[in-house]
Amino acid sequence: MPSLDETDIEILRLLSQDARRTFTDIAAEVDMSGPAVADRVERLQAAGVIERFTVDIDRTQLGAGAQLFVQVDPKGSFDLLRSRLDGADAVEHVMVTADGELWFNARAEVHNVHPWLRELLKPAEDAEYTVTLLDEIEWQPSLDGTEFALTCAECGNTVDSEGESEWLDEEMRHFCCSTCQRQFEERLTQLREGA
């Protein structure tokens, strides 16, 4: 599936609004059959466009603590700290800035924020952080501005209808041309042999 068309984008938009929407319901919206929609969704999953279906939980209803936004300068402990944040139950979203900072939002008890953060950031004791208490947060998924093409795993160029796609290391990879695919596969082979 080297490129996305308007129907794919509409299916993604509908699923982003409600991931439990039936294929029959989506089919009525995009003027297709249910099995055709199911096939498109399967191809979007195989291509890595849809990574997973999930549930959006309102943690305020669960008494899960205050919503925090934390900006961290990891000071050289990026990989260790990123791994720690990814595995922390209270951390909901992790963002990486272009200049190497880690930003995340989490839930914590208000009266224990700094002790909790110090423990969470312990592997990077020299990390500096800023905490903001959030009053409200709302996630509104949008596909506005989405390009109708995938990017090449080797060079980053747009993959058009002449592109190549192949399963490599249990992941669907997309290439703009056979040269990029060959270069990627050669580098992957070298990495495997070196490991």
N, C-alpha and C. Protein backbone atom coordinates (compact mmCIF):
# COMPACT_ATOMS: atom_id res chain seq x y z
N MET A 1 0.85 -1.18 0.00
CA MET A 1 0.00 0.00 0.00
C MET A 1 0.89 1.24 0.00
N PRO A 2 1.44 1.61 -1.16
CA PRO A 2 2.39 2.71 -1.19
C PRO A 2 1.77 4.09 -1.00
N SER A 3 0.51 4.28 -1.27
CA SER A 3 -0.06 5.62 -1.11
C SER A 3 -1.47 5.52 -0.54
N LEU A 4 -1.88 6.60 0.11
CA LEU A 4 -3.21 6.67 0.68
C LEU A 4 -4.09 7.52 -0.22
N ASP A 5 -5.32 7.09 -0.41
CA ASP A 5 -6.25 7.92 -1.18
C ASP A 5 -7.25 8.58 -0.24
N GLU A 6 -8.17 9.33 -0.80
CA GLU A 6 -9.13 10.07 0.03
C GLU A 6 -10.02 9.13 0.84
N THR A 7 -10.32 7.96 0.30
CA THR A 7 -11.14 6.99 1.04
C THR A 7 -10.38 6.49 2.27
N ASP A 8 -9.09 6.20 2.11
CA ASP A 8 -8.28 5.78 3.26
C ASP A 8 -8.29 6.86 4.34
N ILE A 9 -8.11 8.10 3.95
CA ILE A 9 -8.08 9.20 4.90
C ILE A 9 -9.43 9.33 5.61
N GLU A 10 -10.53 9.15 4.87
CA GLU A 10 -11.86 9.23 5.49
C GLU A 10 -12.07 8.07 6.47
N ILE A 11 -11.61 6.89 6.12
CA ILE A 11 -11.70 5.74 7.04
C ILE A 11 -10.91 6.04 8.31
N LEU A 12 -9.71 6.58 8.15
CA LEU A 12 -8.89 6.93 9.32
C LEU A 12 -9.57 7.99 10.17
N ARG A 13 -10.19 8.97 9.53
CA ARG A 13 -10.88 10.03 10.27
C ARG A 13 -12.03 9.44 11.09
N LEU A 14 -12.80 8.57 10.46
CA LEU A 14 -13.93 7.95 11.16
C LEU A 14 -13.47 7.07 12.32
N LEU A 15 -12.40 6.31 12.11
CA LEU A 15 -11.88 5.47 13.19
C LEU A 15 -11.27 6.30 14.31
N SER A 16 -10.67 7.45 13.97
CA SER A 16 -10.08 8.28 15.02
C SER A 16 -11.16 8.90 15.90
N GLN A 17 -12.35 9.09 15.34
CA GLN A 17 -13.46 9.60 16.13
C GLN A 17 -14.05 8.53 17.03
N ASP A 18 -14.09 7.29 16.53
CA ASP A 18 -14.63 6.17 17.30
C ASP A 18 -14.04 4.88 16.76
N ALA A 19 -13.04 4.34 17.46
CA ALA A 19 -12.34 3.14 16.99
C ALA A 19 -13.21 1.89 17.05
N ARG A 20 -14.36 1.98 17.73
CA ARG A 20 -15.27 0.83 17.82
C ARG A 20 -16.34 0.85 16.73
N ARG A 21 -16.28 1.85 15.88
CA ARG A 21 -17.26 1.96 14.79
C ARG A 21 -17.19 0.71 13.93
N THR A 22 -18.33 0.18 13.54
CA THR A 22 -18.35 -1.05 12.74
C THR A 22 -17.94 -0.77 11.30
N PHE A 23 -17.44 -1.80 10.65
CA PHE A 23 -17.08 -1.66 9.24
C PHE A 23 -18.31 -1.35 8.40
N THR A 24 -19.45 -1.89 8.79
CA THR A 24 -20.70 -1.61 8.07
C THR A 24 -21.05 -0.12 8.16
N ASP A 25 -20.89 0.46 9.35
CA ASP A 25 -21.15 1.88 9.54
C ASP A 25 -20.19 2.73 8.71
N ILE A 26 -18.92 2.36 8.73
CA ILE A 26 -17.92 3.09 7.94
C ILE A 26 -18.22 2.95 6.46
N ALA A 27 -18.60 1.74 6.04
CA ALA A 27 -18.91 1.48 4.63
C ALA A 27 -20.01 2.40 4.12
N ALA A 28 -21.03 2.63 4.96
CA ALA A 28 -22.12 3.52 4.55
C ALA A 28 -21.63 4.95 4.36
N GLU A 29 -20.64 5.36 5.15
CA GLU A 29 -20.10 6.72 5.06
C GLU A 29 -19.21 6.91 3.83
N VAL A 30 -18.49 5.85 3.44
CA VAL A 30 -17.52 5.99 2.33
C VAL A 30 -18.00 5.32 1.04
N ASP A 31 -19.26 4.87 1.03
CA ASP A 31 -19.86 4.29 -0.16
C ASP A 31 -19.09 3.06 -0.66
N MET A 32 -18.84 2.13 0.28
CA MET A 32 -18.17 0.87 -0.02
C MET A 32 -18.91 -0.24 0.70
N SER A 33 -18.51 -1.48 0.46
CA SER A 33 -19.07 -2.60 1.21
C SER A 33 -18.29 -2.78 2.51
N GLY A 34 -18.90 -3.45 3.48
CA GLY A 34 -18.22 -3.75 4.74
C GLY A 34 -16.92 -4.53 4.54
N PRO A 35 -16.94 -5.60 3.73
CA PRO A 35 -15.70 -6.36 3.50
C PRO A 35 -14.60 -5.51 2.83
N ALA A 36 -15.00 -4.60 1.94
CA ALA A 36 -14.00 -3.72 1.30
C ALA A 36 -13.36 -2.80 2.33
N VAL A 37 -14.16 -2.29 3.28
CA VAL A 37 -13.62 -1.45 4.35
C VAL A 37 -12.69 -2.27 5.24
N ALA A 38 -13.11 -3.50 5.58
CA ALA A 38 -12.28 -4.38 6.40
C ALA A 38 -10.93 -4.62 5.73
N ASP A 39 -10.96 -4.83 4.42
CA ASP A 39 -9.71 -5.04 3.67
C ASP A 39 -8.82 -3.80 3.74
N ARG A 40 -9.42 -2.63 3.59
CA ARG A 40 -8.64 -1.39 3.66
C ARG A 40 -8.02 -1.21 5.04
N VAL A 41 -8.79 -1.49 6.09
CA VAL A 41 -8.28 -1.35 7.45
C VAL A 41 -7.13 -2.33 7.67
N GLU A 42 -7.27 -3.56 7.20
CA GLU A 42 -6.19 -4.55 7.33
C GLU A 42 -4.94 -4.09 6.60
N ARG A 43 -5.09 -3.49 5.41
CA ARG A 43 -3.93 -2.99 4.67
C ARG A 43 -3.30 -1.81 5.38
N LEU A 44 -4.12 -0.94 5.99
CA LEU A 44 -3.59 0.19 6.75
C LEU A 44 -2.81 -0.30 7.97
N GLN A 45 -3.28 -1.37 8.59
CA GLN A 45 -2.56 -1.96 9.72
C GLN A 45 -1.25 -2.59 9.25
N ALA A 46 -1.31 -3.36 8.17
CA ALA A 46 -0.11 -4.02 7.65
C ALA A 46 0.94 -3.00 7.22
N ALA A 47 0.48 -1.85 6.71
CA ALA A 47 1.40 -0.80 6.26
C ALA A 47 1.95 0.01 7.42
N GLY A 48 1.42 -0.20 8.63
CA GLY A 48 1.90 0.54 9.78
C GLY A 48 1.25 1.89 9.97
N VAL A 49 0.24 2.21 9.15
CA VAL A 49 -0.47 3.48 9.30
C VAL A 49 -1.34 3.43 10.55
N ILE A 50 -2.04 2.33 10.75
CA ILE A 50 -2.79 2.11 12.00
C ILE A 50 -1.92 1.20 12.86
N GLU A 51 -1.49 1.73 14.00
CA GLU A 51 -0.62 0.94 14.88
C GLU A 51 -1.43 0.10 15.86
N ARG A 52 -2.51 0.66 16.39
CA ARG A 52 -3.33 -0.09 17.34
C ARG A 52 -4.65 0.63 17.51
N PHE A 53 -5.61 -0.09 18.06
CA PHE A 53 -6.88 0.49 18.46
C PHE A 53 -6.82 0.60 19.97
N THR A 54 -7.29 1.70 20.50
CA THR A 54 -7.15 1.92 21.94
C THR A 54 -8.41 2.55 22.51
N VAL A 55 -8.41 2.74 23.81
CA VAL A 55 -9.54 3.36 24.48
C VAL A 55 -9.02 4.63 25.16
N ASP A 56 -9.81 5.68 25.15
CA ASP A 56 -9.46 6.94 25.78
C ASP A 56 -10.21 7.00 27.11
N ILE A 57 -9.48 6.85 28.21
CA ILE A 57 -10.08 6.78 29.54
C ILE A 57 -10.05 8.15 30.19
N ASP A 58 -11.16 8.57 30.75
CA ASP A 58 -11.21 9.81 31.53
C ASP A 58 -10.78 9.46 32.94
N ARG A 59 -9.51 9.66 33.22
CA ARG A 59 -8.95 9.25 34.51
C ARG A 59 -9.47 10.10 35.67
N THR A 60 -10.06 11.26 35.38
CA THR A 60 -10.64 12.05 36.46
C THR A 60 -11.80 11.30 37.10
N GLN A 61 -12.47 10.45 36.31
CA GLN A 61 -13.58 9.66 36.83
C GLN A 61 -13.09 8.54 37.74
N LEU A 62 -11.80 8.23 37.65
CA LEU A 62 -11.22 7.15 38.45
C LEU A 62 -10.48 7.67 39.68
N GLY A 63 -10.48 8.99 39.89
CA GLY A 63 -9.76 9.56 41.01
C GLY A 63 -8.27 9.31 40.90
N ALA A 64 -7.72 9.48 39.71
CA ALA A 64 -6.33 9.11 39.45
C ALA A 64 -5.33 10.23 39.72
N GLY A 65 -5.70 11.28 40.41
CA GLY A 65 -4.75 12.34 40.72
C GLY A 65 -4.83 13.50 39.75
N ALA A 66 -3.94 14.45 39.97
CA ALA A 66 -3.92 15.68 39.17
C ALA A 66 -3.17 15.45 37.86
N GLN A 67 -3.61 16.15 36.83
CA GLN A 67 -2.99 16.07 35.50
C GLN A 67 -1.80 17.03 35.49
N LEU A 68 -0.61 16.52 35.17
CA LEU A 68 0.61 17.31 35.13
C LEU A 68 1.20 17.32 33.73
N PHE A 69 1.86 18.41 33.39
CA PHE A 69 2.65 18.48 32.17
C PHE A 69 4.08 18.77 32.62
N VAL A 70 5.02 17.91 32.23
CA VAL A 70 6.40 18.04 32.69
C VAL A 70 7.33 18.16 31.49
N GLN A 71 8.21 19.14 31.55
CA GLN A 71 9.24 19.34 30.53
C GLN A 71 10.57 18.97 31.16
N VAL A 72 11.30 18.04 30.55
CA VAL A 72 12.55 17.54 31.13
C VAL A 72 13.69 17.73 30.15
N ASP A 73 14.79 18.30 30.65
CA ASP A 73 16.05 18.32 29.91
C ASP A 73 16.89 17.19 30.50
N PRO A 74 17.03 16.04 29.79
CA PRO A 74 17.64 14.86 30.39
C PRO A 74 19.14 14.95 30.64
N LYS A 75 19.82 15.95 30.13
CA LYS A 75 21.25 16.15 30.39
C LYS A 75 22.10 14.91 30.11
N GLY A 76 21.93 14.33 28.94
CA GLY A 76 22.77 13.20 28.54
C GLY A 76 22.22 11.83 28.90
N SER A 77 21.11 11.75 29.59
CA SER A 77 20.54 10.45 29.96
C SER A 77 19.26 10.18 29.16
N PHE A 78 19.23 10.62 27.93
CA PHE A 78 18.01 10.58 27.13
C PHE A 78 17.43 9.18 27.01
N ASP A 79 18.20 8.21 26.52
CA ASP A 79 17.67 6.87 26.27
C ASP A 79 17.18 6.20 27.54
N LEU A 80 17.95 6.31 28.60
CA LEU A 80 17.57 5.72 29.88
C LEU A 80 16.28 6.34 30.41
N LEU A 81 16.21 7.66 30.34
CA LEU A 81 15.03 8.36 30.85
C LEU A 81 13.82 8.09 29.96
N ARG A 82 14.00 8.07 28.66
CA ARG A 82 12.89 7.79 27.74
C ARG A 82 12.31 6.42 28.03
N SER A 83 13.16 5.44 28.22
CA SER A 83 12.70 4.09 28.53
C SER A 83 11.93 4.07 29.85
N ARG A 84 12.42 4.79 30.82
CA ARG A 84 11.77 4.84 32.13
C ARG A 84 10.38 5.49 32.02
N LEU A 85 10.28 6.58 31.26
CA LEU A 85 8.99 7.26 31.09
C LEU A 85 8.00 6.38 30.33
N ASP A 86 8.49 5.69 29.30
CA ASP A 86 7.62 4.81 28.51
C ASP A 86 7.02 3.70 29.36
N GLY A 87 7.75 3.25 30.39
CA GLY A 87 7.27 2.16 31.21
C GLY A 87 6.51 2.58 32.46
N ALA A 88 6.42 3.89 32.73
CA ALA A 88 5.77 4.37 33.96
C ALA A 88 4.25 4.37 33.79
N ASP A 89 3.55 3.75 34.72
CA ASP A 89 2.09 3.66 34.65
C ASP A 89 1.41 5.02 34.65
N ALA A 90 1.89 5.96 35.44
CA ALA A 90 1.23 7.26 35.58
C ALA A 90 1.45 8.16 34.37
N VAL A 91 2.44 7.85 33.55
CA VAL A 91 2.77 8.69 32.38
C VAL A 91 1.85 8.29 31.23
N GLU A 92 1.13 9.28 30.70
CA GLU A 92 0.15 9.00 29.65
C GLU A 92 0.69 9.24 28.24
N HIS A 93 1.42 10.33 28.04
CA HIS A 93 1.97 10.65 26.73
C HIS A 93 3.40 11.13 26.89
N VAL A 94 4.30 10.67 26.03
CA VAL A 94 5.68 11.13 26.02
C VAL A 94 5.94 11.77 24.66
N MET A 95 6.49 12.98 24.68
CA MET A 95 6.82 13.70 23.46
C MET A 95 8.31 14.02 23.46
N VAL A 96 8.94 13.97 22.30
CA VAL A 96 10.35 14.28 22.16
C VAL A 96 10.46 15.54 21.31
N THR A 97 11.14 16.56 21.83
CA THR A 97 11.31 17.80 21.08
C THR A 97 12.51 17.68 20.15
N ALA A 98 12.56 18.56 19.16
CA ALA A 98 13.66 18.54 18.20
C ALA A 98 15.00 18.83 18.87
N ASP A 99 15.01 19.54 20.00
CA ASP A 99 16.28 19.83 20.67
C ASP A 99 16.61 18.86 21.79
N GLY A 100 15.94 17.69 21.81
CA GLY A 100 16.32 16.61 22.71
C GLY A 100 15.71 16.64 24.10
N GLU A 101 14.66 17.41 24.29
CA GLU A 101 13.97 17.39 25.57
C GLU A 101 12.86 16.35 25.53
N LEU A 102 12.50 15.88 26.70
CA LEU A 102 11.37 14.97 26.84
C LEU A 102 10.26 15.72 27.55
N TRP A 103 9.09 15.73 26.97
CA TRP A 103 7.92 16.34 27.58
C TRP A 103 6.92 15.21 27.79
N PHE A 104 6.23 15.23 28.90
CA PHE A 104 5.23 14.20 29.11
C PHE A 104 4.11 14.73 29.99
N ASN A 105 2.96 14.09 29.87
CA ASN A 105 1.89 14.39 30.81
C ASN A 105 1.60 13.12 31.59
N ALA A 106 1.24 13.32 32.85
CA ALA A 106 1.05 12.21 33.77
C ALA A 106 0.03 12.61 34.83
N ARG A 107 -0.34 11.64 35.63
CA ARG A 107 -1.23 11.87 36.77
C ARG A 107 -0.46 11.55 38.04
N ALA A 108 -0.58 12.43 39.03
CA ALA A 108 0.10 12.21 40.31
C ALA A 108 -0.69 12.88 41.42
N GLU A 109 -0.45 12.43 42.64
CA GLU A 109 -1.06 13.08 43.79
C GLU A 109 -0.42 14.45 43.95
N VAL A 110 -1.23 15.49 44.08
CA VAL A 110 -0.73 16.85 44.11
C VAL A 110 0.27 17.07 45.25
N HIS A 111 0.02 16.52 46.42
CA HIS A 111 0.90 16.78 47.55
C HIS A 111 2.20 15.97 47.49
N ASN A 112 2.36 15.09 46.52
CA ASN A 112 3.58 14.29 46.39
C ASN A 112 4.25 14.43 45.03
N VAL A 113 4.02 15.51 44.32
CA VAL A 113 4.52 15.65 42.95
C VAL A 113 6.05 15.58 42.89
N HIS A 114 6.74 16.41 43.65
CA HIS A 114 8.20 16.46 43.54
C HIS A 114 8.89 15.18 44.02
N PRO A 115 8.46 14.57 45.13
CA PRO A 115 9.08 13.27 45.47
C PRO A 115 8.83 12.21 44.40
N TRP A 116 7.62 12.20 43.86
CA TRP A 116 7.30 11.23 42.80
C TRP A 116 8.18 11.47 41.58
N LEU A 117 8.34 12.74 41.17
CA LEU A 117 9.16 13.07 40.01
C LEU A 117 10.63 12.72 40.25
N ARG A 118 11.14 13.04 41.42
CA ARG A 118 12.54 12.71 41.72
C ARG A 118 12.78 11.20 41.61
N GLU A 119 11.83 10.42 42.07
CA GLU A 119 11.95 8.96 41.97
C GLU A 119 11.87 8.52 40.50
N LEU A 120 10.94 9.09 39.77
CA LEU A 120 10.77 8.74 38.35
C LEU A 120 12.01 9.10 37.54
N LEU A 121 12.61 10.26 37.84
CA LEU A 121 13.76 10.75 37.08
C LEU A 121 15.09 10.31 37.69
N LYS A 122 15.07 9.43 38.68
CA LYS A 122 16.27 9.03 39.41
C LYS A 122 17.42 8.58 38.50
N PRO A 123 17.17 7.83 37.44
CA PRO A 123 18.31 7.42 36.59
C PRO A 123 19.05 8.62 36.00
N ALA A 124 18.39 9.76 35.92
CA ALA A 124 19.00 10.98 35.36
C ALA A 124 18.96 12.06 36.44
N GLU A 125 19.75 11.87 37.48
CA GLU A 125 19.68 12.77 38.64
C GLU A 125 20.04 14.20 38.30
N ASP A 126 20.81 14.42 37.22
CA ASP A 126 21.17 15.78 36.83
C ASP A 126 20.14 16.42 35.89
N ALA A 127 19.07 15.69 35.57
CA ALA A 127 18.03 16.22 34.69
C ALA A 127 17.33 17.40 35.35
N GLU A 128 17.01 18.38 34.53
CA GLU A 128 16.25 19.54 35.01
C GLU A 128 14.83 19.42 34.47
N TYR A 129 13.86 19.83 35.28
CA TYR A 129 12.48 19.71 34.85
C TYR A 129 11.64 20.89 35.32
N THR A 130 10.55 21.09 34.59
CA THR A 130 9.56 22.10 34.92
C THR A 130 8.20 21.40 34.96
N VAL A 131 7.41 21.68 35.99
CA VAL A 131 6.10 21.04 36.16
C VAL A 131 5.01 22.09 36.03
N THR A 132 3.97 21.76 35.27
CA THR A 132 2.80 22.62 35.15
C THR A 132 1.57 21.79 35.52
N LEU A 133 0.77 22.29 36.43
CA LEU A 133 -0.48 21.63 36.80
C LEU A 133 -1.53 22.02 35.76
N LEU A 134 -2.15 21.02 35.15
CA LEU A 134 -3.14 21.27 34.10
C LEU A 134 -4.55 21.27 34.70
N ASP A 135 -5.34 22.19 34.25
CA ASP A 135 -6.73 22.25 34.68
C ASP A 135 -7.59 21.31 33.84
N GLU A 136 -7.28 21.24 32.55
CA GLU A 136 -8.09 20.45 31.63
C GLU A 136 -7.24 20.04 30.45
N ILE A 137 -7.47 18.85 29.94
CA ILE A 137 -6.78 18.40 28.74
C ILE A 137 -7.80 17.66 27.87
N GLU A 138 -7.75 17.91 26.59
CA GLU A 138 -8.68 17.25 25.66
C GLU A 138 -7.91 16.85 24.42
N TRP A 139 -8.06 15.61 24.05
CA TRP A 139 -7.40 15.10 22.85
C TRP A 139 -8.39 15.14 21.71
N GLN A 140 -8.00 15.79 20.62
CA GLN A 140 -8.86 15.87 19.44
C GLN A 140 -8.05 15.43 18.23
N PRO A 141 -8.12 14.14 17.92
CA PRO A 141 -7.34 13.66 16.77
C PRO A 141 -7.82 14.31 15.48
N SER A 142 -6.87 14.65 14.64
CA SER A 142 -7.20 15.31 13.39
C SER A 142 -6.30 14.78 12.29
N LEU A 143 -6.86 14.67 11.12
CA LEU A 143 -6.08 14.27 9.95
C LEU A 143 -5.90 15.44 9.00
N ASP A 144 -6.23 16.65 9.45
CA ASP A 144 -6.04 17.83 8.60
C ASP A 144 -4.57 17.96 8.23
N GLY A 145 -4.33 18.27 6.99
CA GLY A 145 -2.96 18.45 6.53
C GLY A 145 -2.23 17.14 6.27
N THR A 146 -2.92 16.02 6.39
CA THR A 146 -2.29 14.73 6.16
C THR A 146 -1.98 14.56 4.68
N GLU A 147 -0.77 14.14 4.42
CA GLU A 147 -0.39 13.88 3.03
C GLU A 147 -0.95 12.52 2.62
N PHE A 148 -1.20 12.37 1.34
CA PHE A 148 -1.74 11.12 0.83
C PHE A 148 -0.64 10.16 0.40
N ALA A 149 0.48 10.15 1.12
CA ALA A 149 1.55 9.24 0.75
C ALA A 149 2.38 8.87 1.96
N LEU A 150 3.03 7.73 1.85
CA LEU A 150 3.95 7.27 2.89
C LEU A 150 5.34 7.78 2.55
N THR A 151 6.25 7.70 3.51
CA THR A 151 7.61 8.16 3.26
C THR A 151 8.56 6.97 3.17
N CYS A 152 9.61 7.14 2.41
CA CYS A 152 10.60 6.10 2.17
C CYS A 152 11.39 5.85 3.45
N ALA A 153 11.54 4.58 3.82
CA ALA A 153 12.29 4.21 5.03
C ALA A 153 13.77 4.50 4.89
N GLU A 154 14.27 4.67 3.69
CA GLU A 154 15.69 4.92 3.46
C GLU A 154 16.02 6.40 3.34
N CYS A 155 15.30 7.11 2.47
CA CYS A 155 15.69 8.50 2.19
C CYS A 155 14.67 9.54 2.66
N GLY A 156 13.46 9.10 3.05
CA GLY A 156 12.46 10.04 3.53
C GLY A 156 11.62 10.68 2.44
N ASN A 157 11.88 10.37 1.19
CA ASN A 157 11.07 10.93 0.10
C ASN A 157 9.67 10.31 0.09
N THR A 158 8.76 10.94 -0.62
CA THR A 158 7.41 10.43 -0.74
C THR A 158 7.39 9.16 -1.59
N VAL A 159 6.64 8.17 -1.14
CA VAL A 159 6.49 6.91 -1.88
C VAL A 159 5.24 7.04 -2.74
N ASP A 160 5.42 6.96 -4.05
CA ASP A 160 4.27 7.05 -4.94
C ASP A 160 3.89 5.66 -5.43
N SER A 161 3.06 5.60 -6.45
CA SER A 161 2.54 4.32 -6.92
C SER A 161 3.64 3.41 -7.50
N GLU A 162 4.80 3.96 -7.82
CA GLU A 162 5.90 3.15 -8.33
C GLU A 162 6.81 2.64 -7.22
N GLY A 163 6.48 2.94 -5.98
CA GLY A 163 7.29 2.54 -4.84
C GLY A 163 7.20 1.05 -4.54
N GLU A 164 8.01 0.63 -3.59
CA GLU A 164 8.09 -0.76 -3.18
C GLU A 164 7.71 -0.85 -1.70
N SER A 165 7.10 -1.95 -1.30
CA SER A 165 6.81 -2.22 0.11
C SER A 165 7.19 -3.65 0.40
N GLU A 166 7.80 -3.87 1.58
CA GLU A 166 8.22 -5.23 1.93
C GLU A 166 8.29 -5.37 3.44
N TRP A 167 7.96 -6.58 3.92
CA TRP A 167 8.09 -6.90 5.34
C TRP A 167 9.55 -7.17 5.64
N LEU A 168 10.14 -6.39 6.54
CA LEU A 168 11.51 -6.58 6.98
C LEU A 168 11.54 -6.48 8.50
N ASP A 169 12.13 -7.46 9.16
CA ASP A 169 12.18 -7.48 10.63
C ASP A 169 10.80 -7.31 11.24
N GLU A 170 9.84 -8.04 10.71
CA GLU A 170 8.46 -8.05 11.21
C GLU A 170 7.79 -6.67 11.15
N GLU A 171 8.23 -5.82 10.24
CA GLU A 171 7.61 -4.51 10.07
C GLU A 171 7.52 -4.19 8.58
N MET A 172 6.38 -3.64 8.16
CA MET A 172 6.21 -3.26 6.76
C MET A 172 7.03 -2.00 6.51
N ARG A 173 7.94 -2.06 5.55
CA ARG A 173 8.77 -0.91 5.18
C ARG A 173 8.38 -0.46 3.78
N HIS A 174 8.45 0.85 3.54
CA HIS A 174 8.07 1.42 2.25
C HIS A 174 9.26 2.15 1.67
N PHE A 175 9.44 2.00 0.35
CA PHE A 175 10.59 2.59 -0.33
C PHE A 175 10.13 3.29 -1.60
N CYS A 176 10.78 4.42 -1.91
CA CYS A 176 10.38 5.17 -3.10
C CYS A 176 10.90 4.52 -4.38
N CYS A 177 11.96 3.72 -4.27
CA CYS A 177 12.53 3.07 -5.45
C CYS A 177 13.29 1.81 -5.03
N SER A 178 13.66 1.01 -6.01
CA SER A 178 14.36 -0.25 -5.71
C SER A 178 15.77 0.02 -5.17
N THR A 179 16.38 1.14 -5.55
CA THR A 179 17.72 1.48 -5.04
C THR A 179 17.67 1.71 -3.53
N CYS A 180 16.68 2.48 -3.07
CA CYS A 180 16.54 2.72 -1.63
C CYS A 180 16.26 1.42 -0.89
N GLN A 181 15.42 0.57 -1.49
CA GLN A 181 15.12 -0.71 -0.85
C GLN A 181 16.38 -1.55 -0.71
N ARG A 182 17.19 -1.62 -1.78
CA ARG A 182 18.42 -2.40 -1.76
C ARG A 182 19.39 -1.85 -0.72
N GLN A 183 19.56 -0.51 -0.66
CA GLN A 183 20.46 0.11 0.32
C GLN A 183 20.00 -0.19 1.75
N PHE A 184 18.71 -0.09 1.99
CA PHE A 184 18.17 -0.37 3.33
C PHE A 184 18.43 -1.82 3.72
N GLU A 185 18.15 -2.75 2.79
CA GLU A 185 18.35 -4.17 3.06
C GLU A 185 19.82 -4.50 3.30
N GLU A 186 20.74 -3.85 2.53
CA GLU A 186 22.17 -4.07 2.73
C GLU A 186 22.61 -3.59 4.10
N ARG A 187 22.13 -2.41 4.51
CA ARG A 187 22.49 -1.88 5.83
C ARG A 187 21.92 -2.77 6.94
N LEU A 188 20.72 -3.27 6.75
CA LEU A 188 20.09 -4.16 7.73
C LEU A 188 20.89 -5.45 7.85
N THR A 189 21.36 -6.00 6.74
CA THR A 189 22.17 -7.21 6.74
C THR A 189 23.48 -6.97 7.49
N GLN A 190 24.12 -5.82 7.25
CA GLN A 190 25.35 -5.47 7.94
C GLN A 190 25.14 -5.35 9.45
N LEU A 191 24.03 -4.76 9.85
CA LEU A 191 23.72 -4.63 11.26
C LEU A 191 23.50 -5.99 11.90
N ARG A 192 22.80 -6.88 11.20
CA ARG A 192 22.57 -8.22 11.73
C ARG A 192 23.88 -8.99 11.89
N GLU A 193 24.76 -8.87 10.89
CA GLU A 193 26.03 -9.58 10.94
C GLU A 193 26.94 -9.03 12.03
N GLY A 194 26.82 -7.73 12.30
CA GLY A 194 27.64 -7.10 13.34
C GLY A 194 27.15 -7.36 14.74
N ALA A 195 25.90 -7.80 14.86
CA ALA A 195 25.33 -8.01 16.20
C ALA A 195 25.70 -9.30 16.77
